[in-house]
Protein backbone atom coordinates (compact mmCIF):
# COMPACT_ATOMS: atom_id res chain seq x y z
CA UNK A 1 -0.12 -0.11 -0.09
CA UNK A 2 1.30 3.52 -0.87
CA UNK A 3 0.19 6.07 1.54
CA UNK A 4 0.72 9.74 -0.49
CA UNK A 5 2.24 12.44 1.05
CA UNK A 6 3.60 10.51 3.94
CA UNK A 7 7.34 9.10 3.93
CA UNK A 8 9.07 6.29 6.29
CA UNK A 9 12.52 6.48 7.39
CA UNK A 10 13.75 3.13 8.90
CA UNK A 11 16.96 2.61 10.73
CA UNK A 12 18.66 -0.25 12.97
CA UNK A 13 21.25 2.28 14.25
CA UNK A 14 19.97 3.53 17.70
CA UNK A 15 21.71 6.40 17.70
CA UNK A 16 21.90 8.41 14.66
CA UNK A 17 24.65 11.32 13.99
CA UNK A 18 22.68 14.55 14.67
CA UNK A 19 23.54 15.34 10.79
CA UNK A 20 20.96 12.64 10.23
CA UNK A 21 17.59 14.12 11.83
CA UNK A 22 18.72 17.35 10.73
CA UNK A 23 19.20 16.30 7.10
CA UNK A 24 15.56 14.67 7.14
CA UNK A 25 13.82 17.79 9.08
CA UNK A 26 15.41 20.14 6.36
CA UNK A 27 13.93 18.06 3.61
CA UNK A 28 10.59 18.16 5.32
CA UNK A 29 10.83 22.11 5.46
CA UNK A 30 11.19 21.97 9.45
CA UNK A 31 12.82 24.98 11.04
CA UNK A 32 16.71 24.28 11.84
CA UNK A 33 18.00 26.82 14.46
CA UNK A 34 21.90 25.67 14.24
CA UNK A 35 23.64 23.71 11.86
CA UNK A 36 26.15 22.15 14.17
CA UNK A 37 26.04 19.18 16.30
CA UNK A 38 25.40 20.72 19.74
CA UNK A 39 22.85 19.99 22.21
CA UNK A 40 19.65 22.52 21.32
CA UNK A 41 16.20 22.98 23.03
CA UNK A 42 13.98 25.22 21.89
CA UNK A 43 10.34 25.97 23.27
CA UNK A 44 8.10 29.04 22.56
CA UNK A 45 9.48 30.64 25.28
CA UNK A 46 13.46 29.51 25.46
CA UNK A 47 16.35 28.60 23.61
CA UNK A 48 19.26 26.49 25.04
CA UNK A 49 22.39 25.45 23.32
CA UNK A 50 25.14 23.55 24.80
CA UNK A 51 28.17 23.89 22.81
CA UNK A 52 30.21 20.66 22.32
CA UNK A 53 33.52 23.10 21.06
CA UNK A 54 34.69 26.76 21.02
CA UNK A 55 33.52 29.03 18.52
CA UNK A 56 31.02 31.33 17.10
CA UNK A 57 27.19 29.83 16.05
CA UNK A 58 24.64 31.48 14.19
CA UNK A 59 21.35 30.94 15.60
CA UNK A 60 18.07 30.85 13.01
CA UNK A 61 14.82 31.81 14.90
CA UNK A 62 11.53 30.68 12.99
CA UNK A 63 10.44 34.30 13.11
CA UNK A 64 11.34 37.95 14.13
CA UNK A 65 11.95 37.93 17.95
CA UNK A 66 13.61 39.62 20.87
CA UNK A 67 16.11 37.64 22.80
CA UNK A 68 16.59 38.39 26.32
CA UNK A 69 18.68 37.20 29.33
CA UNK A 70 16.30 35.01 30.87
CA UNK A 71 17.77 36.34 34.88
CA UNK A 72 17.95 40.29 34.11
CA UNK A 73 15.09 40.13 31.29
CA UNK A 74 17.90 42.59 29.47
CA UNK A 75 17.04 42.78 25.80
CA UNK A 76 20.18 41.19 24.18
CA UNK A 77 19.07 41.30 20.30
CA UNK A 78 15.94 43.24 19.36
CA UNK A 79 13.39 42.12 16.89
CA UNK A 80 16.03 39.53 15.16
CA UNK A 81 15.23 36.16 12.66
CA UNK A 82 19.06 35.44 13.78
CA UNK A 83 21.87 36.17 15.78
CA UNK A 84 25.66 35.11 16.30
CA UNK A 85 27.17 33.98 19.91
CA UNK A 86 30.40 33.18 20.49
CA UNK A 87 30.62 30.21 22.81
CA UNK A 88 33.29 28.73 25.21
CA UNK A 89 34.00 24.90 25.20
CA UNK A 90 31.33 22.75 27.01
CA UNK A 91 29.44 26.02 27.52
CA UNK A 92 25.57 26.20 28.06
CA UNK A 93 23.55 29.21 27.30
CA UNK A 94 20.03 29.78 27.72
CA UNK A 95 18.22 32.81 26.17
CA UNK A 96 14.41 33.68 26.68
CA UNK A 97 12.17 34.28 23.71
CA UNK A 98 10.28 37.38 23.32
């Protein structure tokens, strides 16, 4: 039976490299926040990134948003669709989305 407009992907590998699900997400038009293999959590209100290595990351947002420090409510970036941040190795940062 063929289901129109639906695709299934099977893998026997229980742990896929981050690039694999990211490529599948990109193929179906899902939003990609970061092209690196960092650990990333996103919700409507927060974006958290744990960087595997030091260096700049460009974070892409799904729409124009303010980026705030979650502890002080200071606006760090105002009405942006992307922003850059220079991570230290193994640094984790949380931002509030507004």
